[in-house]
PDB file of N, CA and C in Angstrom:
ATOM      1  N   MET A   1     -14.395   6.073  11.661  1.00  0.00           N
ATOM      2  CA  MET A   1     -14.308   7.449  12.103  1.00  0.00           C
ATOM      3  C   MET A   1     -14.368   8.359  10.874  1.00  0.00           C
ATOM      4  N   GLU A   2     -15.129   9.394  10.990  1.00  0.00           N
ATOM      5  CA  GLU A   2     -15.240  10.376   9.908  1.00  0.00           C
ATOM      6  C   GLU A   2     -13.946  11.188   9.808  1.00  0.00           C
ATOM      7  N   THR A   3     -13.607  11.600   8.603  1.00  0.00           N
ATOM      8  CA  THR A   3     -12.351  12.325   8.414  1.00  0.00           C
ATOM      9  C   THR A   3     -12.330  13.659   9.166  1.00  0.00           C
ATOM     10  N   LYS A   4     -13.453  14.356   9.235  1.00  0.00           N
ATOM     11  CA  LYS A   4     -13.491  15.651   9.949  1.00  0.00           C
ATOM     12  C   LYS A   4     -13.241  15.446  11.437  1.00  0.00           C
ATOM     13  N   THR A   5     -13.810  14.384  11.996  1.00  0.00           N
ATOM     14  CA  THR A   5     -13.587  14.065  13.405  1.00  0.00           C
ATOM     15  C   THR A   5     -12.124  13.720  13.625  1.00  0.00           C
ATOM     16  N   PHE A   6     -11.556  12.938  12.722  1.00  0.00           N
ATOM     17  CA  PHE A   6     -10.155  12.558  12.833  1.00  0.00           C
ATOM     18  C   PHE A   6      -9.260  13.794  12.748  1.00  0.00           C
ATOM     19  N   GLU A   7      -9.555  14.701  11.830  1.00  0.00           N
ATOM     20  CA  GLU A   7      -8.772  15.930  11.700  1.00  0.00           C
ATOM     21  C   GLU A   7      -8.826  16.748  12.980  1.00  0.00           C
ATOM     22  N   ALA A   8      -9.988  16.818  13.614  1.00  0.00           N
ATOM     23  CA  ALA A   8     -10.132  17.552  14.875  1.00  0.00           C
ATOM     24  C   ALA A   8      -9.282  16.899  15.971  1.00  0.00           C
ATOM     25  N   THR A   9      -9.268  15.572  15.994  1.00  0.00           N
ATOM     26  CA  THR A   9      -8.460  14.841  16.970  1.00  0.00           C
ATOM     27  C   THR A   9      -6.973  15.110  16.739  1.00  0.00           C
ATOM     28  N   LEU A  10      -6.566  15.144  15.483  1.00  0.00           N
ATOM     29  CA  LEU A  10      -5.174  15.459  15.174  1.00  0.00           C
ATOM     30  C   LEU A  10      -4.792  16.823  15.737  1.00  0.00           C
ATOM     31  N   ALA A  11      -5.622  17.816  15.480  1.00  0.00           N
ATOM     32  CA  ALA A  11      -5.343  19.176  15.947  1.00  0.00           C
ATOM     33  C   ALA A  11      -5.265  19.228  17.472  1.00  0.00           C
ATOM     34  N   GLU A  12      -6.166  18.514  18.150  1.00  0.00           N
ATOM     35  CA  GLU A  12      -6.183  18.495  19.619  1.00  0.00           C
ATOM     36  C   GLU A  12      -4.880  17.945  20.192  1.00  0.00           C
ATOM     37  N   HIS A  13      -4.249  17.026  19.478  1.00  0.00           N
ATOM     38  CA  HIS A  13      -3.037  16.385  19.968  1.00  0.00           C
ATOM     39  C   HIS A  13      -1.756  16.953  19.354  1.00  0.00           C
ATOM     40  N   GLY A  14      -1.869  18.101  18.704  1.00  0.00           N
ATOM     41  CA  GLY A  14      -0.685  18.796  18.200  1.00  0.00           C
ATOM     42  C   GLY A  14      -0.145  18.316  16.868  1.00  0.00           C
ATOM     43  N   TYR A  15      -0.937  17.531  16.139  1.00  0.00           N
ATOM     44  CA  TYR A  15      -0.506  17.085  14.812  1.00  0.00           C
ATOM     45  C   TYR A  15      -0.832  18.162  13.795  1.00  0.00           C
ATOM     46  N   ARG A  16       0.144  18.482  12.956  1.00  0.00           N
ATOM     47  CA  ARG A  16      -0.005  19.499  11.920  1.00  0.00           C
ATOM     48  C   ARG A  16       0.327  18.865  10.574  1.00  0.00           C
ATOM     49  N   ASP A  17       0.483  19.677   9.572  1.00  0.00           N
ATOM     50  CA  ASP A  17       0.829  19.185   8.232  1.00  0.00           C
ATOM     51  C   ASP A  17      -0.092  18.037   7.828  1.00  0.00           C
ATOM     52  N   VAL A  18      -1.386  18.249   7.956  1.00  0.00           N
ATOM     53  CA  VAL A  18      -2.382  17.222   7.642  1.00  0.00           C
ATOM     54  C   VAL A  18      -2.586  17.163   6.136  1.00  0.00           C
ATOM     55  N   GLU A  19      -2.559  15.932   5.606  1.00  0.00           N
ATOM     56  CA  GLU A  19      -2.784  15.754   4.169  1.00  0.00           C
ATOM     57  C   GLU A  19      -3.347  14.365   3.913  1.00  0.00           C
ATOM     58  N   THR A  20      -3.946  14.210   2.741  1.00  0.00           N
ATOM     59  CA  THR A  20      -4.378  12.890   2.292  1.00  0.00           C
ATOM     60  C   THR A  20      -3.339  12.386   1.317  1.00  0.00           C
ATOM     61  N   LYS A  21      -2.834  11.175   1.572  1.00  0.00           N
ATOM     62  CA  LYS A  21      -1.825  10.559   0.709  1.00  0.00           C
ATOM     63  C   LYS A  21      -2.439   9.349   0.026  1.00  0.00           C
ATOM     64  N   ALA A  22      -2.023   9.115  -1.202  1.00  0.00           N
ATOM     65  CA  ALA A  22      -2.440   7.925  -1.955  1.00  0.00           C
ATOM     66  C   ALA A  22      -1.190   7.251  -2.494  1.00  0.00           C
ATOM     67  N   LEU A  23      -1.102   5.948  -2.281  1.00  0.00           N
ATOM     68  CA  LEU A  23       0.033   5.168  -2.763  1.00  0.00           C
ATOM     69  C   LEU A  23      -0.487   4.021  -3.618  1.00  0.00           C
ATOM     70  N   PRO A  24       0.189   3.716  -4.720  1.00  0.00           N
ATOM     71  CA  PRO A  24      -0.262   2.649  -5.622  1.00  0.00           C
ATOM     72  C   PRO A  24       0.054   1.258  -5.057  1.00  0.00           C
ATOM     73  N   SER A  25      -0.586   0.262  -5.632  1.00  0.00           N
ATOM     74  CA  SER A  25      -0.400  -1.117  -5.172  1.00  0.00           C
ATOM     75  C   SER A  25       1.048  -1.584  -5.278  1.00  0.00           C
ATOM     76  N   SER A  26       1.792  -1.020  -6.165  1.00  0.00           N
ATOM     77  CA  SER A  26       3.185  -1.436  -6.362  1.00  0.00           C
ATOM     78  C   SER A  26       4.144  -0.809  -5.339  1.00  0.00           C
ATOM     79  N   TYR A  27       3.644   0.067  -4.489  1.00  0.00           N
ATOM     80  CA  TYR A  27       4.515   0.811  -3.575  1.00  0.00           C
ATOM     81  C   TYR A  27       5.062  -0.072  -2.457  1.00  0.00           C
ATOM     82  N   ARG A  28       6.368  -0.018  -2.293  1.00  0.00           N
ATOM     83  CA  ARG A  28       7.066  -0.698  -1.209  1.00  0.00           C
ATOM     84  C   ARG A  28       8.149   0.255  -0.731  1.00  0.00           C
ATOM     85  N   ALA A  29       8.337   0.330   0.562  1.00  0.00           N
ATOM     86  CA  ALA A  29       9.412   1.160   1.109  1.00  0.00           C
ATOM     87  C   ALA A  29      10.235   0.308   2.061  1.00  0.00           C
ATOM     88  N   LYS A  30      11.531   0.277   1.817  1.00  0.00           N
ATOM     89  CA  LYS A  30      12.435  -0.444   2.705  1.00  0.00           C
ATOM     90  C   LYS A  30      12.445   0.252   4.064  1.00  0.00           C
ATOM     91  N   GLU A  31      13.039  -0.412   5.040  1.00  0.00           N
ATOM     92  CA  GLU A  31      13.059   0.131   6.397  1.00  0.00           C
ATOM     93  C   GLU A  31      13.644   1.543   6.420  1.00  0.00           C
ATOM     94  N   HIS A  32      12.937   2.421   7.096  1.00  0.00           N
ATOM     95  CA  HIS A  32      13.332   3.818   7.231  1.00  0.00           C
ATOM     96  C   HIS A  32      12.640   4.380   8.474  1.00  0.00           C
ATOM     97  N   SER A  33      12.904   5.616   8.796  1.00  0.00           N
ATOM     98  CA  SER A  33      12.224   6.280   9.912  1.00  0.00           C
ATOM     99  C   SER A  33      11.972   7.736   9.535  1.00  0.00           C
ATOM    100  N   HIS A  34      11.176   8.402  10.371  1.00  0.00           N
ATOM    101  CA  HIS A  34      10.841   9.805  10.129  1.00  0.00           C
ATOM    102  C   HIS A  34      11.211  10.623  11.374  1.00  0.00           C
ATOM    103  N   PRO A  35      11.557  11.891  11.191  1.00  0.00           N
ATOM    104  CA  PRO A  35      11.911  12.733  12.338  1.00  0.00           C
ATOM    105  C   PRO A  35      10.684  13.392  12.983  1.00  0.00           C
ATOM    106  N   PHE A  36       9.515  12.778  12.861  1.00  0.00           N
ATOM    107  CA  PHE A  36       8.278  13.319  13.412  1.00  0.00           C
ATOM    108  C   PHE A  36       7.348  12.161  13.771  1.00  0.00           C
ATOM    109  N   ASP A  37       6.404  12.426  14.680  1.00  0.00           N
ATOM    110  CA  ASP A  37       5.369  11.456  15.011  1.00  0.00           C
ATOM    111  C   ASP A  37       4.324  11.457  13.904  1.00  0.00           C
ATOM    112  N   VAL A  38       3.709  10.300  13.673  1.00  0.00           N
ATOM    113  CA  VAL A  38       2.689  10.145  12.639  1.00  0.00           C
ATOM    114  C   VAL A  38       1.424   9.565  13.262  1.00  0.00           C
ATOM    115  N   ARG A  39       0.288  10.070  12.837  1.00  0.00           N
ATOM    116  CA  ARG A  39      -1.015   9.478  13.176  1.00  0.00           C
ATOM    117  C   ARG A  39      -1.831   9.524  11.893  1.00  0.00           C
ATOM    118  N   ALA A  40      -2.364   8.358  11.466  1.00  0.00           N
ATOM    119  CA  ALA A  40      -3.049   8.291  10.172  1.00  0.00           C
ATOM    120  C   ALA A  40      -4.310   7.441  10.255  1.00  0.00           C
ATOM    121  N   LEU A  41      -5.282   7.810   9.456  1.00  0.00           N
ATOM    122  CA  LEU A  41      -6.546   7.087   9.297  1.00  0.00           C
ATOM    123  C   LEU A  41      -6.585   6.544   7.878  1.00  0.00           C
ATOM    124  N   VAL A  42      -6.682   5.215   7.746  1.00  0.00           N
ATOM    125  CA  VAL A  42      -6.779   4.614   6.415  1.00  0.00           C
ATOM    126  C   VAL A  42      -8.196   4.861   5.896  1.00  0.00           C
ATOM    127  N   VAL A  43      -8.293   5.477   4.724  1.00  0.00           N
ATOM    128  CA  VAL A  43      -9.585   5.819   4.118  1.00  0.00           C
ATOM    129  C   VAL A  43     -10.020   4.724   3.140  1.00  0.00           C
ATOM    130  N   ASP A  44      -9.106   4.257   2.306  1.00  0.00           N
ATOM    131  CA  ASP A  44      -9.380   3.200   1.320  1.00  0.00           C
ATOM    132  C   ASP A  44      -8.160   2.307   1.207  1.00  0.00           C
ATOM    133  N   GLY A  45      -8.380   1.037   0.874  1.00  0.00           N
ATOM    134  CA  GLY A  45      -7.280   0.112   0.616  1.00  0.00           C
ATOM    135  C   GLY A  45      -6.640  -0.390   1.889  1.00  0.00           C
ATOM    136  N   GLU A  46      -5.379  -0.797   1.768  1.00  0.00           N
ATOM    137  CA  GLU A  46      -4.669  -1.301   2.936  1.00  0.00           C
ATOM    138  C   GLU A  46      -3.172  -1.079   2.806  1.00  0.00           C
ATOM    139  N   ILE A  47      -2.527  -0.989   3.977  1.00  0.00           N
ATOM    140  CA  ILE A  47      -1.077  -0.832   4.061  1.00  0.00           C
ATOM    141  C   ILE A  47      -0.578  -1.717   5.197  1.00  0.00           C
ATOM    142  N   THR A  48       0.558  -2.350   4.959  1.00  0.00           N
ATOM    143  CA  THR A  48       1.185  -3.170   5.985  1.00  0.00           C
ATOM    144  C   THR A  48       2.453  -2.471   6.437  1.00  0.00           C
ATOM    145  N   LEU A  49       2.566  -2.285   7.745  1.00  0.00           N
ATOM    146  CA  LEU A  49       3.748  -1.690   8.343  1.00  0.00           C
ATOM    147  C   LEU A  49       4.481  -2.778   9.118  1.00  0.00           C
ATOM    148  N   THR A  50       5.778  -2.867   8.910  1.00  0.00           N
ATOM    149  CA  THR A  50       6.587  -3.863   9.602  1.00  0.00           C
ATOM    150  C   THR A  50       7.570  -3.146  10.519  1.00  0.00           C
ATOM    151  N   VAL A  51       7.463  -3.453  11.817  1.00  0.00           N
ATOM    152  CA  VAL A  51       8.318  -2.860  12.844  1.00  0.00           C
ATOM    153  C   VAL A  51       8.960  -3.993  13.631  1.00  0.00           C
ATOM    154  N   LYS A  52      10.283  -4.003  13.676  1.00  0.00           N
ATOM    155  CA  LYS A  52      11.028  -5.045  14.403  1.00  0.00           C
ATOM    156  C   LYS A  52      10.580  -6.442  14.000  1.00  0.00           C
ATOM    157  N   GLY A  53      10.340  -6.640  12.708  1.00  0.00           N
ATOM    158  CA  GLY A  53       9.950  -7.947  12.190  1.00  0.00           C
ATOM    159  C   GLY A  53       8.485  -8.300  12.359  1.00  0.00           C
ATOM    160  N   ASP A  54       7.719  -7.450  13.024  1.00  0.00           N
ATOM    161  CA  ASP A  54       6.296  -7.691  13.251  1.00  0.00           C
ATOM    162  C   ASP A  54       5.476  -6.900  12.226  1.00  0.00           C
ATOM    163  N   ALA A  55       4.787  -7.605  11.320  1.00  0.00           N
ATOM    164  CA  ALA A  55       3.983  -6.962  10.271  1.00  0.00           C
ATOM    165  C   ALA A  55       2.534  -6.831  10.729  1.00  0.00           C
ATOM    166  N   ARG A  56       1.959  -5.643  10.524  1.00  0.00           N
ATOM    167  CA  ARG A  56       0.555  -5.416  10.848  1.00  0.00           C
ATOM    168  C   ARG A  56      -0.100  -4.685   9.685  1.00  0.00           C
ATOM    169  N   THR A  57      -1.261  -5.196   9.260  1.00  0.00           N
ATOM    170  CA  THR A  57      -1.988  -4.608   8.139  1.00  0.00           C
ATOM    171  C   THR A  57      -3.117  -3.727   8.654  1.00  0.00           C
ATOM    172  N   TYR A  58      -3.224  -2.541   8.065  1.00  0.00           N
ATOM    173  CA  TYR A  58      -4.265  -1.571   8.410  1.00  0.00           C
ATOM    174  C   TYR A  58      -5.157  -1.392   7.193  1.00  0.00           C
ATOM    175  N   ARG A  59      -6.475  -1.417   7.437  1.00  0.00           N
ATOM    176  CA  ARG A  59      -7.476  -1.300   6.366  1.00  0.00           C
ATOM    177  C   ARG A  59      -8.380  -0.106   6.632  1.00  0.00           C
ATOM    178  N   ALA A  60      -9.254   0.180   5.674  1.00  0.00           N
ATOM    179  CA  ALA A  60     -10.170   1.321   5.786  1.00  0.00           C
ATOM    180  C   ALA A  60     -10.815   1.360   7.167  1.00  0.00           C
ATOM    181  N   GLY A  61     -10.718   2.523   7.804  1.00  0.00           N
ATOM    182  CA  GLY A  61     -11.277   2.730   9.139  1.00  0.00           C
ATOM    183  C   GLY A  61     -10.270   2.546  10.259  1.00  0.00           C
ATOM    184  N   ASP A  62      -9.133   1.917   9.967  1.00  0.00           N
ATOM    185  CA  ASP A  62      -8.094   1.708  10.986  1.00  0.00           C
ATOM    186  C   ASP A  62      -7.233   2.955  11.135  1.00  0.00           C
ATOM    187  N   VAL A  63      -6.736   3.155  12.359  1.00  0.00           N
ATOM    188  CA  VAL A  63      -5.818   4.253  12.657  1.00  0.00           C
ATOM    189  C   VAL A  63      -4.479   3.646  13.046  1.00  0.00           C
ATOM    190  N   PHE A  64      -3.410   4.218  12.512  1.00  0.00           N
ATOM    191  CA  PHE A  64      -2.082   3.787  12.958  1.00  0.00           C
ATOM    192  C   PHE A  64      -1.270   4.992  13.396  1.00  0.00           C
ATOM    193  N   THR A  65      -0.365   4.725  14.335  1.00  0.00           N
ATOM    194  CA  THR A  65       0.531   5.762  14.848  1.00  0.00           C
ATOM    195  C   THR A  65       1.955   5.255  14.757  1.00  0.00           C
ATOM    196  N   MET A  66       2.874   6.178  14.675  1.00  0.00           N
ATOM    197  CA  MET A  66       4.283   5.840  14.613  1.00  0.00           C
ATOM    198  C   MET A  66       5.049   6.963  15.293  1.00  0.00           C
ATOM    199  N   ASP A  67       5.856   6.601  16.291  1.00  0.00           N
ATOM    200  CA  ASP A  67       6.674   7.597  16.964  1.00  0.00           C
ATOM    201  C   ASP A  67       7.847   8.004  16.082  1.00  0.00           C
ATOM    202  N   ALA A  68       8.296   9.224  16.250  1.00  0.00           N
ATOM    203  CA  ALA A  68       9.478   9.700  15.525  1.00  0.00           C
ATOM    204  C   ALA A  68      10.631   8.746  15.783  1.00  0.00           C
ATOM    205  N   GLY A  69      11.385   8.444  14.740  1.00  0.00           N
ATOM    206  CA  GLY A  69      12.555   7.598  14.861  1.00  0.00           C
ATOM    207  C   GLY A  69      12.285   6.105  14.819  1.00  0.00           C
ATOM    208  N   CYS A  70      11.021   5.702  14.741  1.00  0.00           N
ATOM    209  CA  CYS A  70      10.670   4.278  14.697  1.00  0.00           C
ATOM    210  C   CYS A  70      10.986   3.709  13.313  1.00  0.00           C
ATOM    211  N   ALA A  71      11.916   2.770  13.258  1.00  0.00           N
ATOM    212  CA  ALA A  71      12.278   2.144  11.984  1.00  0.00           C
ATOM    213  C   ALA A  71      11.144   1.216  11.546  1.00  0.00           C
ATOM    214  N   HIS A  72      10.733   1.350  10.287  1.00  0.00           N
ATOM    215  CA  HIS A  72       9.627   0.553   9.765  1.00  0.00           C
ATOM    216  C   HIS A  72       9.741   0.415   8.245  1.00  0.00           C
ATOM    217  N   ALA A  73       9.097  -0.626   7.715  1.00  0.00           N
ATOM    218  CA  ALA A  73       8.979  -0.827   6.271  1.00  0.00           C
ATOM    219  C   ALA A  73       7.502  -0.730   5.925  1.00  0.00           C
ATOM    220  N   GLU A  74       7.200  -0.412   4.670  1.00  0.00           N
ATOM    221  CA  GLU A  74       5.817  -0.246   4.220  1.00  0.00           C
ATOM    222  C   GLU A  74       5.557  -1.087   2.985  1.00  0.00           C
ATOM    223  N   SER A  75       4.355  -1.656   2.916  1.00  0.00           N
ATOM    224  CA  SER A  75       3.931  -2.432   1.758  1.00  0.00           C
ATOM    225  C   SER A  75       2.440  -2.173   1.555  1.00  0.00           C
ATOM    226  N   VAL A  76       2.066  -1.789   0.343  1.00  0.00           N
ATOM    227  CA  VAL A  76       0.680  -1.420   0.047  1.00  0.00           C
ATOM    228  C   VAL A  76      -0.066  -2.593  -0.575  1.00  0.00           C
ATOM    229  N   GLY A  77      -1.348  -2.742  -0.221  1.00  0.00           N
ATOM    230  CA  GLY A  77      -2.187  -3.829  -0.724  1.00  0.00           C
ATOM    231  C   GLY A  77      -2.486  -3.736  -2.213  1.00  0.00           C
ATOM    232  N   ALA A  78      -3.183  -4.752  -2.709  1.00  0.00           N
ATOM    233  CA  ALA A  78      -3.467  -4.906  -4.147  1.00  0.00           C
ATOM    234  C   ALA A  78      -4.252  -3.750  -4.754  1.00  0.00           C
ATOM    235  N   ASP A  79      -5.058  -3.060  -3.948  1.00  0.00           N
ATOM    236  CA  ASP A  79      -5.866  -1.951  -4.454  1.00  0.00           C
ATOM    237  C   ASP A  79      -5.273  -0.587  -4.127  1.00  0.00           C
ATOM    238  N   GLY A  80      -4.031  -0.557  -3.656  1.00  0.00           N
ATOM    239  CA  GLY A  80      -3.430   0.706  -3.254  1.00  0.00           C
ATOM    240  C   GLY A  80      -3.942   1.110  -1.883  1.00  0.00           C
ATOM    241  N   VAL A  81      -3.596   2.300  -1.455  1.00  0.00           N
ATOM    242  CA  VAL A  81      -4.062   2.813  -0.168  1.00  0.00           C
ATOM    243  C   VAL A  81      -4.208   4.328  -0.252  1.00  0.00           C
ATOM    244  N   ARG A  82      -5.177   4.825   0.479  1.00  0.00           N
ATOM    245  CA  ARG A  82      -5.356   6.273   0.647  1.00  0.00           C
ATOM    246  C   ARG A  82      -5.567   6.503   2.127  1.00  0.00           C
ATOM    247  N   TYR A  83      -4.813   7.451   2.701  1.00  0.00           N
ATOM    248  CA  TYR A  83      -4.952   7.706   4.130  1.00  0.00           C
ATOM    249  C   TYR A  83      -4.782   9.188   4.437  1.00  0.00           C
ATOM    250  N   LEU A  84      -5.424   9.600   5.513  1.00  0.00           N
ATOM    251  CA  LEU A  84      -5.343  10.962   6.024  1.00  0.00           C
ATOM    252  C   LEU A  84      -4.292  10.936   7.121  1.00  0.00           C
ATOM    253  N   VAL A  85      -3.277  11.783   7.001  1.00  0.00           N
ATOM    254  CA  VAL A  85      -2.155  11.709   7.929  1.00  0.00           C
ATOM    255  C   VAL A  85      -1.811  13.081   8.510  1.00  0.00           C
ATOM    256  N   GLY A  86      -1.444  13.066   9.784  1.00  0.00           N
ATOM    257  CA  GLY A  86      -0.944  14.254  10.445  1.00  0.00           C
ATOM    258  C   GLY A  86       0.447  13.981  10.983  1.00  0.00           C
ATOM    259  N   ARG A  87       1.271  15.008  11.024  1.00  0.00           N
ATOM    260  CA  ARG A  87       2.638  14.872  11.533  1.00  0.00           C
ATOM    261  C   ARG A  87       2.823  15.823  12.701  1.00  0.00           C
ATOM    262  N   ARG A  88       3.550  15.340  13.704  1.00  0.00           N
ATOM    263  CA  ARG A  88       3.822  16.170  14.886  1.00  0.00           C
ATOM    264  C   ARG A  88       5.325  16.194  15.103  1.00  0.00           C
ATOM    265  N   LYS A  89       5.886  17.394  15.100  1.00  0.00           N
ATOM    266  CA  LYS A  89       7.326  17.542  15.316  1.00  0.00           C
ATOM    267  C   LYS A  89       7.653  17.203  16.767  1.00  0.00           C
ATOM    268  N   THR A  90       8.817  16.580  16.932  1.00  0.00           N
ATOM    269  CA  THR A  90       9.301  16.288  18.267  1.00  0.00           C
ATOM    270  C   THR A  90      10.397  17.272  18.605  1.00  0.00           C
ATOM    271  N   GLN A  91      10.710  17.394  19.869  1.00  0.00           N
ATOM    272  CA  GLN A  91      11.720  18.376  20.270  1.00  0.00           C
ATOM    273  C   GLN A  91      13.070  17.766  20.362  1.00  0.00           C
TER     274      GLN A  91
END
């Protein structure tokens, strides 16, 4: 999916605060959660998200979503990761 198309989809579904994030290969985040919904398109590299013990890896072209309050851990692949992300506030 092209980034412009993805950005339009984010806007249609109420996602704001759109930005491109880059994380290095050494990046690891212990289990945590966010007070907002997340929808992201992986542009380069890969990231593994672990939810309730289930690890899933997302690579370039993959889209991942995360509901507000979902506890998860993050681990970035050997080449780092770059992704376009939108956040949607919950009520």
